[in-house]
């Protein structure tokens, strides 16, 4: 995860503030929950979702709290792997919150499911 400050300078409109080591391979989507002060990163190739704390200030890096590994649940799903050869494992592609903010929904392209 990287944090940036948007500036009004034409030459460098984004000023890099912090960066942290990814907790998965090929991060492709980030969902933030300001009410929970959490950031969720969907990692495509590793099939997991990393949960970071939202920094208290823009200059502070996010802290990794936990990683949800969807591959642990992949074998329990009914997956028709004949659809695509890339469906040998979980591939977290996108995550979002339910309207009430109580649940995180994760789109898993590997299992063609929403978890």
N, C-alpha and C. Protein backbone atom coordinates (compact mmCIF):
# COMPACT_ATOMS: atom_id res chain seq x y z
N UNK A 1 0.84 -1.18 0.00
CA UNK A 1 0.00 0.00 0.00
C UNK A 1 0.87 1.24 0.00
N UNK A 2 0.43 2.21 -0.73
CA UNK A 2 1.14 3.48 -0.79
C UNK A 2 0.16 4.59 -0.43
N UNK A 3 0.66 5.60 0.25
CA UNK A 3 -0.16 6.78 0.50
C UNK A 3 0.47 7.96 -0.23
N UNK A 4 -0.41 8.80 -0.76
CA UNK A 4 0.03 9.95 -1.54
C UNK A 4 -0.70 11.19 -1.07
N UNK A 5 -0.09 12.32 -1.32
CA UNK A 5 -0.76 13.60 -1.11
C UNK A 5 -0.94 14.22 -2.48
N UNK A 6 -2.15 14.64 -2.77
CA UNK A 6 -2.45 15.32 -4.02
C UNK A 6 -2.01 16.77 -3.90
N UNK A 7 -1.19 17.21 -4.85
CA UNK A 7 -0.70 18.59 -4.82
C UNK A 7 -1.22 19.35 -6.03
N UNK A 8 -1.04 20.63 -6.02
CA UNK A 8 -1.50 21.45 -7.14
C UNK A 8 -0.38 21.71 -8.15
N UNK A 9 0.79 21.15 -7.91
CA UNK A 9 1.90 21.33 -8.83
C UNK A 9 1.64 20.54 -10.11
N UNK A 10 1.91 21.15 -11.24
CA UNK A 10 1.68 20.48 -12.52
C UNK A 10 2.72 19.41 -12.81
N UNK A 11 3.94 19.59 -12.32
CA UNK A 11 5.00 18.65 -12.65
C UNK A 11 4.90 17.35 -11.86
N UNK A 12 4.49 17.42 -10.61
CA UNK A 12 4.38 16.23 -9.76
C UNK A 12 3.10 16.34 -8.93
N UNK A 13 1.95 15.99 -9.52
CA UNK A 13 0.69 16.17 -8.80
C UNK A 13 0.50 15.22 -7.61
N UNK A 14 1.25 14.09 -7.59
CA UNK A 14 1.15 13.16 -6.47
C UNK A 14 2.48 13.12 -5.72
N UNK A 15 2.42 13.39 -4.44
CA UNK A 15 3.60 13.33 -3.59
C UNK A 15 3.52 12.06 -2.76
N UNK A 16 4.49 11.16 -2.94
CA UNK A 16 4.49 9.90 -2.20
C UNK A 16 4.83 10.16 -0.74
N UNK A 17 4.00 9.61 0.17
CA UNK A 17 4.23 9.80 1.60
C UNK A 17 4.76 8.54 2.27
N UNK A 18 4.10 7.41 2.05
CA UNK A 18 4.53 6.16 2.68
C UNK A 18 4.30 4.99 1.74
N UNK A 19 4.94 3.89 2.04
CA UNK A 19 4.66 2.64 1.33
C UNK A 19 4.90 1.50 2.31
N UNK A 20 4.22 0.39 2.08
CA UNK A 20 4.39 -0.77 2.93
C UNK A 20 4.53 -2.01 2.05
N UNK A 21 5.14 -3.04 2.60
CA UNK A 21 5.36 -4.29 1.88
C UNK A 21 4.00 -4.96 1.66
N UNK A 22 3.71 -5.40 0.43
CA UNK A 22 2.42 -6.05 0.19
C UNK A 22 2.30 -7.37 0.96
N UNK A 23 1.08 -7.70 1.35
CA UNK A 23 0.81 -8.94 2.09
C UNK A 23 0.21 -9.99 1.16
N UNK A 24 0.48 -9.87 -0.12
CA UNK A 24 -0.03 -10.80 -1.10
C UNK A 24 0.60 -10.51 -2.44
N UNK A 25 0.27 -11.36 -3.42
CA UNK A 25 0.85 -11.21 -4.76
C UNK A 25 -0.20 -10.63 -5.70
N UNK A 26 0.20 -9.62 -6.44
CA UNK A 26 -0.63 -8.94 -7.43
C UNK A 26 -1.87 -8.29 -6.81
N UNK A 27 -1.68 -7.31 -5.92
CA UNK A 27 -2.84 -6.59 -5.38
C UNK A 27 -3.57 -5.89 -6.53
N UNK A 28 -4.90 -6.03 -6.55
CA UNK A 28 -5.63 -5.44 -7.67
C UNK A 28 -6.82 -4.59 -7.24
N UNK A 29 -7.16 -4.57 -5.96
CA UNK A 29 -8.26 -3.72 -5.52
C UNK A 29 -8.10 -3.39 -4.04
N UNK A 30 -8.46 -2.16 -3.69
CA UNK A 30 -8.41 -1.72 -2.29
C UNK A 30 -9.78 -1.19 -1.91
N UNK A 31 -10.30 -1.66 -0.77
CA UNK A 31 -11.56 -1.16 -0.22
C UNK A 31 -11.27 -0.59 1.16
N UNK A 32 -11.80 0.58 1.44
CA UNK A 32 -11.58 1.22 2.73
C UNK A 32 -12.90 1.31 3.50
N UNK A 33 -12.80 1.10 4.79
CA UNK A 33 -13.94 1.25 5.68
C UNK A 33 -13.60 2.29 6.73
N UNK A 34 -13.94 3.56 6.47
CA UNK A 34 -13.63 4.60 7.45
C UNK A 34 -14.29 4.36 8.80
N UNK A 35 -15.47 3.74 8.82
CA UNK A 35 -16.14 3.51 10.10
C UNK A 35 -15.41 2.47 10.94
N UNK A 36 -14.73 1.52 10.30
CA UNK A 36 -13.96 0.50 11.02
C UNK A 36 -12.48 0.84 11.10
N UNK A 37 -12.06 1.89 10.41
CA UNK A 37 -10.65 2.27 10.32
C UNK A 37 -9.79 1.14 9.77
N UNK A 38 -10.32 0.46 8.73
CA UNK A 38 -9.61 -0.66 8.13
C UNK A 38 -9.51 -0.50 6.61
N UNK A 39 -8.46 -1.09 6.05
CA UNK A 39 -8.24 -1.12 4.61
C UNK A 39 -8.11 -2.59 4.20
N UNK A 40 -8.83 -2.98 3.15
CA UNK A 40 -8.82 -4.36 2.66
C UNK A 40 -8.23 -4.38 1.25
N UNK A 41 -7.19 -5.18 1.05
CA UNK A 41 -6.54 -5.29 -0.25
C UNK A 41 -6.79 -6.68 -0.82
N UNK A 42 -7.40 -6.75 -2.00
CA UNK A 42 -7.63 -8.02 -2.69
C UNK A 42 -6.39 -8.35 -3.51
N UNK A 43 -5.81 -9.52 -3.25
CA UNK A 43 -4.58 -9.95 -3.93
C UNK A 43 -4.90 -11.09 -4.88
N UNK A 44 -4.79 -10.83 -6.16
CA UNK A 44 -5.25 -11.75 -7.20
C UNK A 44 -4.50 -13.09 -7.19
N UNK A 45 -3.20 -13.07 -7.37
CA UNK A 45 -2.45 -14.31 -7.57
C UNK A 45 -2.30 -15.14 -6.29
N UNK A 46 -2.20 -14.49 -5.14
CA UNK A 46 -2.06 -15.25 -3.90
C UNK A 46 -3.41 -15.66 -3.32
N UNK A 47 -4.51 -15.11 -3.84
CA UNK A 47 -5.84 -15.53 -3.41
C UNK A 47 -6.16 -15.15 -1.98
N UNK A 48 -5.66 -14.01 -1.54
CA UNK A 48 -5.96 -13.59 -0.18
C UNK A 48 -6.39 -12.13 -0.13
N UNK A 49 -6.92 -11.75 1.03
CA UNK A 49 -7.30 -10.36 1.29
C UNK A 49 -6.51 -9.92 2.51
N UNK A 50 -5.73 -8.87 2.36
CA UNK A 50 -4.95 -8.33 3.47
C UNK A 50 -5.76 -7.25 4.17
N UNK A 51 -5.73 -7.28 5.49
CA UNK A 51 -6.45 -6.28 6.30
C UNK A 51 -5.42 -5.42 7.01
N UNK A 52 -5.47 -4.12 6.72
CA UNK A 52 -4.56 -3.15 7.33
C UNK A 52 -5.36 -2.17 8.17
N UNK A 53 -4.71 -1.64 9.19
CA UNK A 53 -5.32 -0.55 9.94
C UNK A 53 -5.17 0.72 9.12
N UNK A 54 -6.17 1.58 9.20
CA UNK A 54 -6.09 2.86 8.51
C UNK A 54 -5.17 3.76 9.34
N UNK A 55 -4.19 4.37 8.71
CA UNK A 55 -3.24 5.19 9.47
C UNK A 55 -3.92 6.37 10.15
N UNK A 56 -3.38 6.75 11.29
CA UNK A 56 -3.94 7.88 12.03
C UNK A 56 -3.58 9.21 11.38
N UNK A 57 -2.54 9.21 10.55
CA UNK A 57 -2.16 10.42 9.82
C UNK A 57 -1.65 10.00 8.45
N UNK A 58 -1.67 10.91 7.48
CA UNK A 58 -1.20 10.56 6.13
C UNK A 58 0.27 10.13 6.09
N UNK A 59 1.05 10.59 7.05
CA UNK A 59 2.48 10.26 7.06
C UNK A 59 2.77 8.89 7.68
N UNK A 60 1.79 8.29 8.34
CA UNK A 60 1.98 6.98 8.98
C UNK A 60 1.61 5.87 8.01
N UNK A 61 2.42 4.82 7.92
CA UNK A 61 2.08 3.70 7.01
C UNK A 61 0.98 2.84 7.61
N UNK A 62 0.18 2.20 6.76
CA UNK A 62 -0.82 1.25 7.25
C UNK A 62 -0.13 0.06 7.92
N UNK A 63 -0.77 -0.51 8.93
CA UNK A 63 -0.22 -1.67 9.64
C UNK A 63 -1.01 -2.92 9.27
N UNK A 64 -0.30 -3.97 8.86
CA UNK A 64 -0.95 -5.23 8.53
C UNK A 64 -1.48 -5.87 9.82
N UNK A 65 -2.78 -6.19 9.83
CA UNK A 65 -3.41 -6.81 11.00
C UNK A 65 -3.66 -8.31 10.79
N UNK A 66 -4.08 -8.68 9.58
CA UNK A 66 -4.47 -10.06 9.33
C UNK A 66 -4.54 -10.31 7.83
N UNK A 67 -4.42 -11.57 7.43
CA UNK A 67 -4.60 -11.95 6.04
C UNK A 67 -5.64 -13.06 5.97
N UNK A 68 -6.67 -12.87 5.15
CA UNK A 68 -7.69 -13.89 4.92
C UNK A 68 -7.30 -14.69 3.69
N UNK A 69 -7.02 -15.95 3.86
CA UNK A 69 -6.59 -16.80 2.76
C UNK A 69 -7.79 -17.56 2.21
N UNK A 70 -8.30 -17.15 1.06
CA UNK A 70 -9.44 -17.82 0.46
C UNK A 70 -9.09 -19.19 -0.10
N UNK A 71 -7.81 -19.48 -0.32
CA UNK A 71 -7.41 -20.79 -0.81
C UNK A 71 -7.74 -21.89 0.20
N UNK A 72 -7.80 -21.55 1.49
CA UNK A 72 -8.16 -22.53 2.51
C UNK A 72 -9.59 -23.03 2.32
N UNK A 73 -10.44 -22.20 1.72
CA UNK A 73 -11.84 -22.55 1.52
C UNK A 73 -12.12 -23.04 0.10
N UNK A 74 -11.13 -22.90 -0.78
CA UNK A 74 -11.32 -23.21 -2.19
C UNK A 74 -11.73 -24.67 -2.40
N UNK A 75 -11.10 -25.59 -1.70
CA UNK A 75 -11.37 -27.01 -1.92
C UNK A 75 -12.77 -27.42 -1.46
N UNK A 76 -13.40 -26.60 -0.61
CA UNK A 76 -14.74 -26.94 -0.13
C UNK A 76 -15.83 -26.43 -1.07
N UNK A 77 -15.45 -25.63 -2.06
CA UNK A 77 -16.42 -25.08 -3.01
C UNK A 77 -16.58 -26.01 -4.19
N UNK A 78 -17.75 -26.02 -4.77
CA UNK A 78 -17.97 -26.80 -5.99
C UNK A 78 -17.53 -25.95 -7.17
N UNK A 79 -16.37 -26.25 -7.70
CA UNK A 79 -15.79 -25.46 -8.77
C UNK A 79 -15.70 -26.31 -10.02
N UNK A 80 -16.24 -25.80 -11.11
CA UNK A 80 -16.13 -26.49 -12.39
C UNK A 80 -14.87 -25.94 -13.08
N UNK A 81 -13.73 -26.60 -12.83
CA UNK A 81 -12.46 -26.10 -13.36
C UNK A 81 -12.35 -26.26 -14.87
N UNK A 82 -13.32 -26.90 -15.49
CA UNK A 82 -13.28 -27.03 -16.95
C UNK A 82 -13.63 -25.71 -17.63
N UNK A 83 -14.16 -24.75 -16.86
CA UNK A 83 -14.51 -23.46 -17.45
C UNK A 83 -13.28 -22.70 -17.92
N UNK A 84 -12.27 -22.63 -17.07
CA UNK A 84 -11.03 -21.91 -17.38
C UNK A 84 -9.87 -22.62 -16.71
N UNK A 85 -8.74 -22.69 -17.37
CA UNK A 85 -7.59 -23.36 -16.78
C UNK A 85 -6.99 -22.59 -15.62
N UNK A 86 -7.33 -21.30 -15.47
CA UNK A 86 -6.77 -20.51 -14.38
C UNK A 86 -7.57 -20.68 -13.09
N UNK A 87 -8.54 -21.57 -13.07
CA UNK A 87 -9.37 -21.75 -11.88
C UNK A 87 -8.86 -22.86 -10.98
N UNK A 88 -7.55 -22.97 -10.88
CA UNK A 88 -6.94 -23.98 -10.03
C UNK A 88 -6.84 -23.53 -8.58
N UNK A 89 -7.06 -22.25 -8.32
CA UNK A 89 -6.96 -21.69 -6.97
C UNK A 89 -7.78 -20.40 -6.91
N UNK A 90 -7.88 -19.86 -5.70
CA UNK A 90 -8.60 -18.60 -5.52
C UNK A 90 -7.85 -17.45 -6.17
N UNK A 91 -8.60 -16.52 -6.73
CA UNK A 91 -8.05 -15.29 -7.30
C UNK A 91 -8.95 -14.13 -6.86
N UNK A 92 -8.60 -13.52 -5.73
CA UNK A 92 -9.40 -12.40 -5.21
C UNK A 92 -9.25 -11.22 -6.15
N UNK A 93 -10.35 -10.74 -6.66
CA UNK A 93 -10.32 -9.71 -7.68
C UNK A 93 -10.88 -8.38 -7.19
N UNK A 94 -11.84 -8.43 -6.27
CA UNK A 94 -12.55 -7.22 -5.86
C UNK A 94 -13.20 -7.49 -4.51
N UNK A 95 -13.31 -6.47 -3.69
CA UNK A 95 -14.05 -6.61 -2.43
C UNK A 95 -14.83 -5.32 -2.18
N UNK A 96 -15.98 -5.49 -1.52
CA UNK A 96 -16.83 -4.35 -1.21
C UNK A 96 -17.63 -4.68 0.05
N UNK A 97 -18.22 -3.69 0.63
CA UNK A 97 -19.01 -3.88 1.85
C UNK A 97 -20.49 -3.94 1.52
N UNK A 98 -21.22 -4.69 2.34
CA UNK A 98 -22.67 -4.67 2.21
C UNK A 98 -23.15 -3.27 2.59
N UNK A 99 -24.37 -2.93 2.18
CA UNK A 99 -24.88 -1.58 2.43
C UNK A 99 -24.87 -1.20 3.91
N UNK A 100 -25.08 -2.18 4.79
CA UNK A 100 -25.08 -1.87 6.22
C UNK A 100 -23.67 -1.84 6.81
N UNK A 101 -22.66 -2.18 6.00
CA UNK A 101 -21.28 -2.13 6.45
C UNK A 101 -20.87 -3.27 7.37
N UNK A 102 -21.71 -4.27 7.54
CA UNK A 102 -21.43 -5.36 8.48
C UNK A 102 -20.59 -6.48 7.87
N UNK A 103 -20.62 -6.61 6.53
CA UNK A 103 -19.94 -7.73 5.89
C UNK A 103 -19.09 -7.25 4.73
N UNK A 104 -17.97 -7.95 4.53
CA UNK A 104 -17.12 -7.71 3.38
C UNK A 104 -17.39 -8.82 2.37
N UNK A 105 -17.69 -8.46 1.16
CA UNK A 105 -17.92 -9.42 0.09
C UNK A 105 -16.69 -9.45 -0.80
N UNK A 106 -16.18 -10.65 -1.11
CA UNK A 106 -14.98 -10.80 -1.92
C UNK A 106 -15.33 -11.59 -3.17
N UNK A 107 -15.05 -11.01 -4.33
CA UNK A 107 -15.23 -11.71 -5.60
C UNK A 107 -14.00 -12.55 -5.87
N UNK A 108 -14.22 -13.87 -5.99
CA UNK A 108 -13.15 -14.81 -6.21
C UNK A 108 -13.30 -15.37 -7.63
N UNK A 109 -12.46 -14.92 -8.54
CA UNK A 109 -12.55 -15.38 -9.92
C UNK A 109 -12.10 -16.83 -10.07
N UNK A 110 -11.31 -17.33 -9.14
CA UNK A 110 -10.86 -18.72 -9.21
C UNK A 110 -12.00 -19.70 -8.99
N UNK A 111 -12.90 -19.36 -8.07
CA UNK A 111 -14.03 -20.25 -7.77
C UNK A 111 -15.33 -19.74 -8.38
N UNK A 112 -15.26 -18.64 -9.09
CA UNK A 112 -16.46 -18.01 -9.67
C UNK A 112 -17.53 -17.82 -8.60
N UNK A 113 -17.10 -17.26 -7.46
CA UNK A 113 -18.03 -17.08 -6.36
C UNK A 113 -17.79 -15.76 -5.63
N UNK A 114 -18.77 -15.38 -4.84
CA UNK A 114 -18.64 -14.24 -3.94
C UNK A 114 -18.63 -14.82 -2.52
N UNK A 115 -17.60 -14.52 -1.79
CA UNK A 115 -17.43 -15.07 -0.44
C UNK A 115 -17.68 -13.99 0.59
